[in-house]
Amino acid sequence: MKVNTTLGTEIEIPTSVGDTLNIYGAKATHAYKVTVPFCWYLQPAETSGNPDTYEVDYTYQFNLPSQAVESYSGLALNLTLGRSPDTIEHIYLNGEDLMSLIIGKTAEDTVTLKTGLVPDTDYTLLMRVRYTVDEYLQLFREKAGLLYWITHPWALVLYAIGLLLAAIGWTRARGKKLQAKALPRRH
């Protein structure tokens, strides 16, 4: 960052000063040619899973606002893998296959998928990721709600035990009446 005064003096400020720049005693009315790097973290617009293959389809949609006040330069779309790229089945940006960019990378890598993004352009990123059974269940447990617990193996065992106990209770209650009816009657 450079600070420019009306006297034509430029001061180069190193990025090591941090996120905030305080100018004590100077009358600053505006900033000129200031570069502010930013990261925009996207949440998927849509997520759908396939419980047979434990694959999840993610759809990300984004559009940078117009340059009415600000201007952009050096825009890029980066993906932090966070898992082995072998688990990514496909990845497309506006129909362009980007799998070749992540092949050979590691789980810790951040990959630049596209540079030169243009404001006021709709971008759609489609990605299919394969998970383990446990990872898949963890992802969709909250979304499934009660259905998850009803179909959970332990829930099925407890349900069966509950039915058995209810049958035993009904039989015991009805059994006494049946026993009484089986006894000889007075004529």
Protein backbone atom coordinates (compact mmCIF):
# COMPACT_ATOMS: atom_id res chain seq x y z
CA MET A 1 0.00 0.00 0.00
CA LYS A 2 1.24 3.48 -0.75
CA VAL A 3 0.30 6.69 1.03
CA ASN A 4 0.34 9.79 -1.19
CA THR A 5 0.31 13.34 0.16
CA THR A 6 -0.48 16.58 -1.62
CA LEU A 7 3.25 17.28 -1.65
CA GLY A 8 3.80 14.38 -4.02
CA THR A 9 5.39 12.14 -1.43
CA GLU A 10 4.65 8.44 -1.65
CA ILE A 11 5.16 6.09 1.27
CA GLU A 12 5.24 2.35 0.74
CA ILE A 13 3.60 0.57 3.69
CA PRO A 14 4.49 -3.10 4.09
CA THR A 15 1.68 -5.61 4.40
CA SER A 16 3.15 -6.67 7.75
CA VAL A 17 1.33 -3.75 9.46
CA GLY A 18 -1.75 -5.94 9.61
CA ASP A 19 -5.39 -5.32 8.75
CA THR A 20 -5.65 -1.77 10.14
CA LEU A 21 -3.69 1.33 9.19
CA ASN A 22 -3.88 4.28 11.58
CA ILE A 23 -2.72 7.67 10.33
CA TYR A 24 -2.21 9.80 13.42
CA GLY A 25 -2.02 13.56 12.94
CA ALA A 26 -2.61 13.44 9.18
CA LYS A 27 -5.71 14.73 7.48
CA ALA A 28 -6.75 11.91 5.17
CA THR A 29 -9.73 12.67 2.94
CA HIS A 30 -9.61 9.73 0.59
CA ALA A 31 -7.67 6.70 -0.46
CA TYR A 32 -6.18 6.49 -3.91
CA LYS A 33 -5.16 3.27 -5.64
CA VAL A 34 -5.76 1.10 -2.61
CA THR A 35 -5.69 -2.63 -3.07
CA VAL A 36 -7.77 -4.63 -0.63
CA PRO A 37 -7.42 -8.39 -1.04
CA PHE A 38 -10.51 -10.33 -0.05
CA CYS A 39 -11.75 -13.91 0.13
CA TRP A 40 -15.36 -14.79 -0.49
CA TYR A 41 -16.31 -18.12 1.06
CA LEU A 42 -19.28 -19.72 -0.67
CA GLN A 43 -21.87 -22.06 0.77
CA PRO A 44 -23.49 -24.49 -1.66
CA ALA A 45 -26.76 -23.25 -3.11
CA GLU A 46 -27.92 -26.86 -3.39
CA THR A 47 -26.76 -30.18 -1.94
CA SER A 48 -28.17 -33.57 -2.83
CA GLY A 49 -26.93 -37.01 -1.91
CA ASN A 50 -27.12 -40.55 -3.25
CA PRO A 51 -27.41 -42.99 -0.31
CA ASP A 52 -26.57 -45.96 -2.55
CA THR A 53 -23.12 -44.65 -3.57
CA TYR A 54 -22.51 -42.14 -0.72
CA GLU A 55 -21.90 -39.40 -3.27
CA VAL A 56 -22.97 -35.80 -2.75
CA ASP A 57 -23.61 -33.29 -5.54
CA TYR A 58 -22.79 -29.70 -4.63
CA THR A 59 -23.98 -26.71 -6.65
CA TYR A 60 -22.36 -23.34 -5.99
CA GLN A 61 -23.74 -20.24 -7.69
CA PHE A 62 -22.21 -16.79 -7.51
CA ASN A 63 -22.10 -13.46 -9.28
CA LEU A 64 -19.77 -10.63 -8.35
CA PRO A 65 -21.61 -7.30 -8.18
CA SER A 66 -21.04 -4.70 -10.86
CA GLN A 67 -18.18 -2.26 -10.70
CA ALA A 68 -20.37 0.77 -10.02
CA VAL A 69 -18.18 2.00 -7.14
CA GLU A 70 -15.32 -0.45 -6.85
CA SER A 71 -13.20 -2.13 -9.43
CA TYR A 72 -11.78 -5.61 -9.41
CA SER A 73 -8.55 -7.00 -10.70
CA GLY A 74 -6.86 -10.35 -10.40
CA LEU A 75 -10.08 -12.22 -9.58
CA ALA A 76 -9.65 -15.96 -9.22
CA LEU A 77 -11.70 -18.93 -8.07
CA ASN A 78 -9.78 -21.16 -5.67
CA LEU A 79 -10.81 -24.48 -4.15
CA THR A 80 -9.30 -25.73 -0.91
CA LEU A 81 -9.60 -29.49 -1.22
CA GLY A 82 -9.71 -30.52 2.43
CA ARG A 83 -9.80 -34.17 1.33
CA SER A 84 -8.14 -36.45 -1.16
CA PRO A 85 -8.83 -35.35 -4.75
CA ASP A 86 -9.43 -39.04 -5.54
CA THR A 87 -12.82 -38.67 -3.82
CA ILE A 88 -13.95 -35.93 -6.22
CA GLU A 89 -15.86 -37.58 -9.05
CA HIS A 90 -16.26 -34.48 -11.22
CA ILE A 91 -16.00 -30.71 -11.06
CA TYR A 92 -17.34 -28.25 -13.65
CA LEU A 93 -17.42 -24.45 -13.84
CA ASN A 94 -20.05 -23.23 -16.30
CA GLY A 95 -19.78 -26.54 -18.14
CA GLU A 96 -15.97 -26.60 -18.33
CA ASP A 97 -14.41 -29.80 -16.92
CA LEU A 98 -11.82 -28.87 -14.28
CA MET A 99 -10.78 -32.35 -13.08
CA SER A 100 -7.34 -32.06 -14.69
CA LEU A 101 -6.54 -29.19 -12.28
CA ILE A 102 -6.97 -31.28 -9.12
CA ILE A 103 -5.42 -34.56 -10.26
CA GLY A 104 -2.15 -35.19 -8.43
CA LYS A 105 -2.88 -32.67 -5.68
CA THR A 106 -3.06 -33.47 -1.95
CA ALA A 107 -5.82 -32.92 0.59
CA GLU A 108 -4.03 -29.84 1.98
CA ASP A 109 -3.74 -28.06 -1.39
CA THR A 110 -5.61 -24.99 -2.56
CA VAL A 111 -6.15 -25.15 -6.31
CA THR A 112 -6.82 -22.16 -8.58
CA LEU A 113 -9.71 -23.32 -10.75
CA LYS A 114 -10.11 -20.15 -12.84
CA THR A 115 -8.51 -16.74 -13.12
CA GLY A 116 -9.82 -13.62 -14.79
CA LEU A 117 -13.35 -13.85 -13.38
CA VAL A 118 -15.61 -11.13 -14.75
CA PRO A 119 -18.06 -9.11 -12.61
CA ASP A 120 -21.76 -9.38 -13.50
CA THR A 121 -21.24 -12.89 -14.85
CA ASP A 122 -23.19 -15.81 -13.41
CA TYR A 123 -20.92 -18.67 -12.38
CA THR A 124 -22.09 -22.17 -11.50
CA LEU A 125 -19.71 -24.71 -10.01
CA LEU A 126 -20.89 -28.33 -9.95
CA MET A 127 -18.95 -30.86 -7.91
CA ARG A 128 -19.62 -34.49 -6.97
CA VAL A 129 -17.77 -35.87 -3.94
CA ARG A 130 -17.67 -39.51 -2.78
CA TYR A 131 -17.73 -40.07 1.00
CA THR A 132 -17.38 -43.03 3.33
CA VAL A 133 -20.57 -44.35 4.93
CA ASP A 134 -19.82 -42.63 8.23
CA GLU A 135 -19.00 -39.30 6.56
CA TYR A 136 -22.17 -39.48 4.47
CA LEU A 137 -24.36 -40.24 7.50
CA GLN A 138 -22.75 -37.38 9.42
CA LEU A 139 -23.45 -34.94 6.56
CA PHE A 140 -27.12 -35.87 6.24
CA ARG A 141 -28.02 -36.78 9.84
CA GLU A 142 -29.33 -33.32 10.66
CA LYS A 143 -31.14 -32.99 7.33
CA ALA A 144 -32.82 -36.39 7.76
CA GLY A 145 -34.04 -35.52 11.27
CA LEU A 146 -36.36 -38.13 12.80
CA LEU A 147 -36.13 -40.35 9.72
CA TYR A 148 -32.44 -40.96 10.51
CA TRP A 149 -33.24 -42.21 14.00
CA ILE A 150 -36.21 -44.32 12.87
CA THR A 151 -34.03 -46.13 10.33
CA HIS A 152 -30.93 -46.32 12.55
CA PRO A 153 -30.06 -49.98 13.37
CA TRP A 154 -30.28 -49.45 17.13
CA ALA A 155 -33.63 -47.72 16.71
CA LEU A 156 -34.92 -50.77 14.81
CA VAL A 157 -33.72 -53.10 17.60
CA LEU A 158 -35.38 -50.94 20.25
CA TYR A 159 -38.55 -50.77 18.16
CA ALA A 160 -38.62 -54.59 17.93
CA ILE A 161 -38.05 -54.91 21.69
CA GLY A 162 -40.86 -52.42 22.30
CA LEU A 163 -43.23 -54.43 20.11
CA LEU A 164 -42.25 -57.62 21.93
CA LEU A 165 -42.83 -56.05 25.34
CA ALA A 166 -46.17 -54.64 24.22
CA ALA A 167 -47.21 -58.08 22.97
CA ILE A 168 -46.16 -59.67 26.25
CA GLY A 169 -48.05 -57.04 28.24
CA TRP A 170 -51.17 -57.50 26.12
CA THR A 171 -50.93 -61.28 26.40
CA ARG A 172 -50.54 -61.15 30.18
CA ALA A 173 -53.50 -58.82 30.57
CA ARG A 174 -55.69 -60.80 28.18
CA GLY A 175 -54.23 -64.12 29.38
CA LYS A 176 -55.83 -63.88 32.84
CA LYS A 177 -59.25 -63.37 31.26
CA LEU A 178 -58.65 -66.27 28.90
CA GLN A 179 -57.57 -68.48 31.80
CA ALA A 180 -60.67 -67.54 33.75
CA LYS A 181 -62.89 -68.38 30.78
CA ALA A 182 -61.18 -71.76 30.47
CA LEU A 183 -62.15 -72.77 34.01
CA PRO A 184 -65.29 -74.88 34.50
CA ARG A 185 -68.52 -72.88 34.83
CA ARG A 186 -71.46 -73.33 37.12
CA HIS A 187 -74.62 -74.47 35.51
